[in-house]
Amino acid sequence: MVENVVYPAYFDAGRSRSEGRRVPTDLAIEDPTVDEIAKAVQQVGYDAVIEREKTYSREYEPRGAVVVRGTDDTAKNDLVQAIAAYLGILRE
């Protein structure tokens, strides 16, 4: 079973690409939380496990991470883009 780890920095509109953002600015949101990301992962159709003590390698403060399970047939970039689309909908 393939697991992908997704960090809040991937979707943070306050970060540049070199600081870890992986989505275009029009899909990014301000200060995403692991709870929002986990909800979006479930909307996409995968299982999500929140790990609150994790820290992204380009950050100093732990904001947590979401482990996405069951993504055998999906590229990580496609997964991140789909999660970003749902995050925007959840924030509306």
Protein backbone atom coordinates (compact mmCIF):
# COMPACT_ATOMS: atom_id res chain seq x y z
CA MET A 1 0.00 0.00 0.00
CA VAL A 2 1.38 3.36 -1.04
CA GLU A 3 1.35 6.24 1.45
CA ASN A 4 1.93 9.87 0.56
CA VAL A 5 2.72 12.50 3.18
CA VAL A 6 1.14 15.91 2.59
CA TYR A 7 2.18 19.01 4.55
CA PRO A 8 0.21 22.26 5.06
CA ALA A 9 3.06 24.23 3.45
CA TYR A 10 2.16 22.66 0.09
CA PHE A 11 -1.08 24.67 0.06
CA ASP A 12 -0.06 27.85 1.95
CA ALA A 13 -0.62 31.03 -0.07
CA GLY A 14 1.86 32.86 2.16
CA ARG A 15 4.74 30.72 0.89
CA SER A 16 6.65 30.83 -2.36
CA ARG A 17 7.45 27.77 -4.46
CA SER A 18 11.00 27.77 -3.07
CA GLU A 19 9.57 27.79 0.46
CA GLY A 20 7.58 24.64 -0.23
CA ARG A 21 4.28 25.60 -1.86
CA ARG A 22 3.37 23.01 -4.52
CA VAL A 23 0.17 24.46 -5.97
CA PRO A 24 -0.48 27.60 -8.04
CA THR A 25 -1.39 30.72 -6.06
CA ASP A 26 -4.98 30.61 -7.32
CA LEU A 27 -5.42 27.20 -5.61
CA ALA A 28 -3.45 28.08 -2.46
CA ILE A 29 -5.15 29.21 0.77
CA GLU A 30 -3.96 31.15 3.81
CA ASP A 31 -2.71 29.03 6.72
CA PRO A 32 -4.20 25.63 5.90
CA THR A 33 -4.59 23.21 8.81
CA VAL A 34 -4.07 19.45 8.90
CA ASP A 35 -7.76 19.05 9.78
CA GLU A 36 -8.82 20.88 6.60
CA ILE A 37 -6.37 18.86 4.53
CA ALA A 38 -7.60 15.57 6.01
CA LYS A 39 -11.19 16.54 5.20
CA ALA A 40 -10.22 17.37 1.61
CA VAL A 41 -8.34 14.06 1.28
CA GLN A 42 -11.47 12.19 2.35
CA GLN A 43 -13.52 14.18 -0.18
CA VAL A 44 -11.08 13.09 -2.90
CA GLY A 45 -11.70 9.49 -1.83
CA TYR A 46 -8.64 8.40 0.12
CA ASP A 47 -7.98 7.54 3.76
CA ALA A 48 -6.24 10.22 5.80
CA VAL A 49 -4.26 9.93 9.03
CA ILE A 50 -3.26 13.12 10.84
CA GLU A 51 0.19 13.26 12.43
CA ARG A 52 0.23 16.47 14.46
CA GLU A 53 3.83 16.27 15.69
CA LYS A 54 5.44 16.27 12.22
CA THR A 55 7.39 19.25 10.90
CA TYR A 56 7.97 20.01 7.23
CA SER A 57 11.70 20.15 6.45
CA ARG A 58 11.50 23.81 5.34
CA GLU A 59 9.70 24.97 8.50
CA TYR A 60 10.71 25.29 12.14
CA GLU A 61 7.34 25.08 13.85
CA PRO A 62 5.47 21.77 13.77
CA ARG A 63 2.17 22.16 11.89
CA GLY A 64 1.61 18.47 11.39
CA ALA A 65 1.21 16.33 8.31
CA VAL A 66 -1.45 14.16 6.72
CA VAL A 67 -0.61 10.63 5.60
CA VAL A 68 -2.73 9.69 2.58
CA ARG A 69 -3.23 5.95 2.16
CA GLY A 70 -4.32 3.93 -0.83
CA THR A 71 -2.88 6.13 -3.57
CA ASP A 72 -1.39 3.26 -5.58
CA ASP A 73 -2.57 4.56 -8.95
CA THR A 74 -2.15 8.32 -8.37
CA ALA A 75 0.92 10.52 -8.79
CA LYS A 76 1.67 12.73 -5.80
CA ASN A 77 1.37 15.91 -7.85
CA ASP A 78 -2.09 14.91 -9.10
CA LEU A 79 -3.11 14.13 -5.52
CA VAL A 80 -1.86 17.51 -4.23
CA GLN A 81 -3.72 19.37 -7.02
CA ALA A 82 -6.98 17.53 -6.24
CA ILE A 83 -6.64 18.25 -2.51
CA ALA A 84 -5.98 21.93 -3.26
CA ALA A 85 -9.17 22.16 -5.32
CA TYR A 86 -11.23 20.76 -2.43
CA LEU A 87 -9.51 23.02 0.11
CA GLY A 88 -10.71 26.04 -1.85
CA ILE A 89 -14.26 24.68 -1.80
CA LEU A 90 -14.11 23.94 1.95
CA ARG A 91 -12.97 27.50 2.69
CA GLU A 92 -15.86 29.13 0.77
